[in-house]
Amino acid sequence: MNIAEVDVQLIFLAGAISSGIIAGLFFDIYRRLRRFLKPGPILTSVGDFMYWIFMALGTFYIIYKINYGQVRIYLFFGFATGLLVYCCAVSPYVIRVLIIIERIMCGIACFPRKIFCYTMRWKPVRLLKRIVEEARRMMPKRKY
């Protein structure tokens, strides 16, 4: 085996490692999304299954693109190494960033509710609310 073939194989290995890192990143995003949505056990199982189907298809697509579809054992070791490196070294920091993004998004989504609750404490709004409640109580209900 000459040096040019070794260089190409190292590029293939680097692609497999990066594919493992990308799979870990998508798994962290999926985990945070799953924690936020809180699906039941059945939907969690379906989501996990779908995640791994998409990751398998994505991995084989990357293998097809970088290695012309030649599946070699070192590509799987590279994928596993990339996933392991990501989980041990990068994942805690990515999860912290995702938690910060989640808190910001929840703050943005809850802002209109906070404004509504704040305006409901105003005396004119409370007075109007009481007038409407009394009018509903005193008006006879119509049957159609």
C-alpha atoms as a PDB file:
ATOM      1  CA  MET A   1       0.000   0.000   0.000  1.00  0.00           C
ATOM      2  CA  ASN A   2       1.518   3.299  -1.027  1.00  0.00           C
ATOM      3  CA  ILE A   3       1.364   6.589   0.855  1.00  0.00           C
ATOM      4  CA  ALA A   4      -1.397   8.042  -1.352  1.00  0.00           C
ATOM      5  CA  GLU A   5      -3.761   5.223  -0.411  1.00  0.00           C
ATOM      6  CA  VAL A   6      -3.005   5.728   3.289  1.00  0.00           C
ATOM      7  CA  ASP A   7      -3.819   9.437   2.980  1.00  0.00           C
ATOM      8  CA  VAL A   8      -7.162   8.625   1.384  1.00  0.00           C
ATOM      9  CA  GLN A   9      -7.949   6.070   4.082  1.00  0.00           C
ATOM     10  CA  LEU A  10      -7.095   8.632   6.797  1.00  0.00           C
ATOM     11  CA  ILE A  11      -9.497  11.082   5.160  1.00  0.00           C
ATOM     12  CA  PHE A  12     -12.165   8.373   5.227  1.00  0.00           C
ATOM     13  CA  LEU A  13     -11.427   7.747   8.915  1.00  0.00           C
ATOM     14  CA  ALA A  14     -11.677  11.490   9.652  1.00  0.00           C
ATOM     15  CA  GLY A  15     -15.053  11.541   7.896  1.00  0.00           C
ATOM     16  CA  ALA A  16     -16.250   8.638  10.031  1.00  0.00           C
ATOM     17  CA  ILE A  17     -15.064  10.361  13.224  1.00  0.00           C
ATOM     18  CA  SER A  18     -16.816  13.581  12.239  1.00  0.00           C
ATOM     19  CA  SER A  19     -19.950  11.572  11.448  1.00  0.00           C
ATOM     20  CA  GLY A  20     -19.868  10.176  14.992  1.00  0.00           C
ATOM     21  CA  ILE A  21     -19.495  13.683  16.418  1.00  0.00           C
ATOM     22  CA  ILE A  22     -22.457  14.911  14.371  1.00  0.00           C
ATOM     23  CA  ALA A  23     -24.542  11.934  15.550  1.00  0.00           C
ATOM     24  CA  GLY A  24     -23.729  12.837  19.166  1.00  0.00           C
ATOM     25  CA  LEU A  25     -24.688  16.471  18.599  1.00  0.00           C
ATOM     26  CA  PHE A  26     -28.032  15.483  17.062  1.00  0.00           C
ATOM     27  CA  PHE A  27     -28.614  13.068  19.944  1.00  0.00           C
ATOM     28  CA  ASP A  28     -28.100  15.854  22.495  1.00  0.00           C
ATOM     29  CA  ILE A  29     -30.526  18.078  20.592  1.00  0.00           C
ATOM     30  CA  TYR A  30     -33.030  15.221  20.445  1.00  0.00           C
ATOM     31  CA  ARG A  31     -32.617  14.537  24.189  1.00  0.00           C
ATOM     32  CA  ARG A  32     -33.306  18.174  25.111  1.00  0.00           C
ATOM     33  CA  LEU A  33     -36.291  18.263  22.779  1.00  0.00           C
ATOM     34  CA  ARG A  34     -37.612  15.029  24.279  1.00  0.00           C
ATOM     35  CA  ARG A  35     -37.152  16.404  27.802  1.00  0.00           C
ATOM     36  CA  PHE A  36     -38.993  19.594  26.852  1.00  0.00           C
ATOM     37  CA  LEU A  37     -41.943  17.856  25.158  1.00  0.00           C
ATOM     38  CA  LYS A  38     -42.182  15.012  27.727  1.00  0.00           C
ATOM     39  CA  PRO A  39     -43.725  12.330  25.517  1.00  0.00           C
ATOM     40  CA  GLY A  40     -44.932   9.114  27.058  1.00  0.00           C
ATOM     41  CA  PRO A  41     -42.954   5.873  26.968  1.00  0.00           C
ATOM     42  CA  ILE A  42     -44.443   4.750  23.661  1.00  0.00           C
ATOM     43  CA  LEU A  43     -43.673   8.000  21.837  1.00  0.00           C
ATOM     44  CA  THR A  44     -40.201   8.019  23.391  1.00  0.00           C
ATOM     45  CA  SER A  45     -39.563   4.546  21.984  1.00  0.00           C
ATOM     46  CA  VAL A  46     -40.855   5.589  18.570  1.00  0.00           C
ATOM     47  CA  GLY A  47     -38.720   8.743  18.661  1.00  0.00           C
ATOM     48  CA  ASP A  48     -35.600   6.798  19.650  1.00  0.00           C
ATOM     49  CA  PHE A  49     -36.216   4.298  16.881  1.00  0.00           C
ATOM     50  CA  MET A  50     -36.703   7.072  14.325  1.00  0.00           C
ATOM     51  CA  TYR A  51     -33.557   8.865  15.542  1.00  0.00           C
ATOM     52  CA  TRP A  52     -31.424   5.759  15.077  1.00  0.00           C
ATOM     53  CA  ILE A  53     -32.971   5.020  11.667  1.00  0.00           C
ATOM     54  CA  PHE A  54     -32.104   8.556  10.502  1.00  0.00           C
ATOM     55  CA  MET A  55     -28.609   8.320  11.991  1.00  0.00           C
ATOM     56  CA  ALA A  56     -27.998   4.959  10.312  1.00  0.00           C
ATOM     57  CA  LEU A  57     -29.194   6.315   6.968  1.00  0.00           C
ATOM     58  CA  GLY A  58     -27.092   9.438   7.436  1.00  0.00           C
ATOM     59  CA  THR A  59     -24.021   7.411   8.359  1.00  0.00           C
ATOM     60  CA  PHE A  60     -24.353   5.144   5.367  1.00  0.00           C
ATOM     61  CA  TYR A  61     -24.919   8.165   3.139  1.00  0.00           C
ATOM     62  CA  ILE A  62     -21.700   9.715   4.441  1.00  0.00           C
ATOM     63  CA  ILE A  63     -19.866   6.417   3.925  1.00  0.00           C
ATOM     64  CA  TYR A  64     -21.236   6.300   0.396  1.00  0.00           C
ATOM     65  CA  LYS A  65     -20.109   9.865  -0.312  1.00  0.00           C
ATOM     66  CA  ILE A  66     -16.635   9.703   1.241  1.00  0.00           C
ATOM     67  CA  ASN A  67     -15.762   6.061   0.608  1.00  0.00           C
ATOM     68  CA  TYR A  68     -17.872   5.268  -2.471  1.00  0.00           C
ATOM     69  CA  GLY A  69     -19.965   2.788  -0.508  1.00  0.00           C
ATOM     70  CA  GLN A  70     -17.069   0.600   0.609  1.00  0.00           C
ATOM     71  CA  VAL A  71     -17.888  -0.396   4.155  1.00  0.00           C
ATOM     72  CA  ARG A  72     -14.791  -1.149   6.183  1.00  0.00           C
ATOM     73  CA  ILE A  73     -14.518  -2.005   9.845  1.00  0.00           C
ATOM     74  CA  TYR A  74     -12.326   0.978  10.691  1.00  0.00           C
ATOM     75  CA  LEU A  75     -15.156   3.275   9.588  1.00  0.00           C
ATOM     76  CA  PHE A  76     -17.359   1.835  12.336  1.00  0.00           C
ATOM     77  CA  PHE A  77     -14.521   2.215  14.825  1.00  0.00           C
ATOM     78  CA  GLY A  78     -14.096   5.821  13.644  1.00  0.00           C
ATOM     79  CA  PHE A  79     -17.811   6.474  14.074  1.00  0.00           C
ATOM     80  CA  ALA A  80     -17.752   4.977  17.581  1.00  0.00           C
ATOM     81  CA  THR A  81     -14.601   6.948  18.436  1.00  0.00           C
ATOM     82  CA  GLY A  82     -16.181  10.206  17.274  1.00  0.00           C
ATOM     83  CA  LEU A  83     -19.318   9.479  19.289  1.00  0.00           C
ATOM     84  CA  LEU A  84     -17.252   8.613  22.368  1.00  0.00           C
ATOM     85  CA  VAL A  85     -15.085  11.735  22.065  1.00  0.00           C
ATOM     86  CA  TYR A  86     -18.157  13.896  21.664  1.00  0.00           C
ATOM     87  CA  CYS A  87     -19.974  12.330  24.627  1.00  0.00           C
ATOM     88  CA  CYS A  88     -16.981  12.621  26.944  1.00  0.00           C
ATOM     89  CA  ALA A  89     -15.452  15.947  25.907  1.00  0.00           C
ATOM     90  CA  VAL A  90     -18.031  18.143  24.197  1.00  0.00           C
ATOM     91  CA  SER A  91     -21.485  16.975  25.253  1.00  0.00           C
ATOM     92  CA  PRO A  92     -21.599  18.626  28.720  1.00  0.00           C
ATOM     93  CA  TYR A  93     -20.863  22.028  27.204  1.00  0.00           C
ATOM     94  CA  VAL A  94     -23.356  21.583  24.382  1.00  0.00           C
ATOM     95  CA  ILE A  95     -26.047  20.572  26.869  1.00  0.00           C
ATOM     96  CA  ARG A  96     -25.353  23.726  28.907  1.00  0.00           C
ATOM     97  CA  VAL A  97     -25.721  25.854  25.784  1.00  0.00           C
ATOM     98  CA  LEU A  98     -28.935  24.034  24.838  1.00  0.00           C
ATOM     99  CA  ILE A  99     -30.337  24.621  28.339  1.00  0.00           C
ATOM    100  CA  ILE A 100     -29.557  28.339  28.041  1.00  0.00           C
ATOM    101  CA  ILE A 101     -31.242  28.464  24.630  1.00  0.00           C
ATOM    102  CA  GLU A 102     -34.241  26.591  26.062  1.00  0.00           C
ATOM    103  CA  ARG A 103     -34.568  29.083  28.932  1.00  0.00           C
ATOM    104  CA  ILE A 104     -34.344  32.026  26.545  1.00  0.00           C
ATOM    105  CA  MET A 105     -37.007  30.513  24.272  1.00  0.00           C
ATOM    106  CA  CYS A 106     -39.299  29.814  27.247  1.00  0.00           C
ATOM    107  CA  GLY A 107     -38.789  33.389  28.438  1.00  0.00           C
ATOM    108  CA  ILE A 108     -39.724  34.725  25.017  1.00  0.00           C
ATOM    109  CA  ALA A 109     -42.758  32.440  24.807  1.00  0.00           C
ATOM    110  CA  CYS A 110     -43.944  33.335  28.333  1.00  0.00           C
ATOM    111  CA  PHE A 111     -43.543  37.107  27.869  1.00  0.00           C
ATOM    112  CA  PRO A 112     -47.077  37.723  26.464  1.00  0.00           C
ATOM    113  CA  ARG A 113     -48.571  35.732  29.338  1.00  0.00           C
ATOM    114  CA  LYS A 114     -46.667  37.803  31.877  1.00  0.00           C
ATOM    115  CA  ILE A 115     -47.911  41.017  30.284  1.00  0.00           C
ATOM    116  CA  PHE A 116     -51.493  39.707  30.301  1.00  0.00           C
ATOM    117  CA  CYS A 117     -51.282  38.718  33.972  1.00  0.00           C
ATOM    118  CA  TYR A 118     -49.757  42.093  34.826  1.00  0.00           C
ATOM    119  CA  THR A 119     -52.538  44.021  33.075  1.00  0.00           C
ATOM    120  CA  MET A 120     -55.217  41.913  34.773  1.00  0.00           C
ATOM    121  CA  ARG A 121     -54.088  43.415  38.104  1.00  0.00           C
ATOM    122  CA  TRP A 122     -55.006  46.956  37.063  1.00  0.00           C
ATOM    123  CA  LYS A 123     -58.084  48.370  38.789  1.00  0.00           C
ATOM    124  CA  PRO A 124     -59.957  49.388  35.604  1.00  0.00           C
ATOM    125  CA  VAL A 125     -59.463  45.919  34.125  1.00  0.00           C
ATOM    126  CA  ARG A 126     -60.609  44.229  37.343  1.00  0.00           C
ATOM    127  CA  LEU A 127     -63.651  46.505  37.443  1.00  0.00           C
ATOM    128  CA  LEU A 128     -64.536  45.681  33.836  1.00  0.00           C
ATOM    129  CA  LYS A 129     -64.069  41.979  34.540  1.00  0.00           C
ATOM    130  CA  ARG A 130     -66.411  42.183  37.538  1.00  0.00           C
ATOM    131  CA  ILE A 131     -69.044  44.050  35.494  1.00  0.00           C
ATOM    132  CA  VAL A 132     -68.945  41.369  32.788  1.00  0.00           C
ATOM    133  CA  GLU A 133     -69.233  38.567  35.374  1.00  0.00           C
ATOM    134  CA  GLU A 134     -72.218  40.255  37.053  1.00  0.00           C
ATOM    135  CA  ALA A 135     -73.921  40.842  33.687  1.00  0.00           C
ATOM    136  CA  ARG A 136     -73.500  37.172  32.790  1.00  0.00           C
ATOM    137  CA  ARG A 137     -74.924  36.127  36.143  1.00  0.00           C
ATOM    138  CA  MET A 138     -77.954  38.393  35.831  1.00  0.00           C
ATOM    139  CA  MET A 139     -78.756  37.721  32.160  1.00  0.00           C
ATOM    140  CA  PRO A 140     -81.027  34.740  31.549  1.00  0.00           C
ATOM    141  CA  LYS A 141     -79.535  31.926  29.551  1.00  0.00           C
ATOM    142  CA  ARG A 142     -81.036  31.487  26.148  1.00  0.00           C
ATOM    143  CA  LYS A 143     -81.878  28.057  24.843  1.00  0.00           C
ATOM    144  CA  TYR A 144     -81.802  27.564  21.106  1.00  0.00           C
END
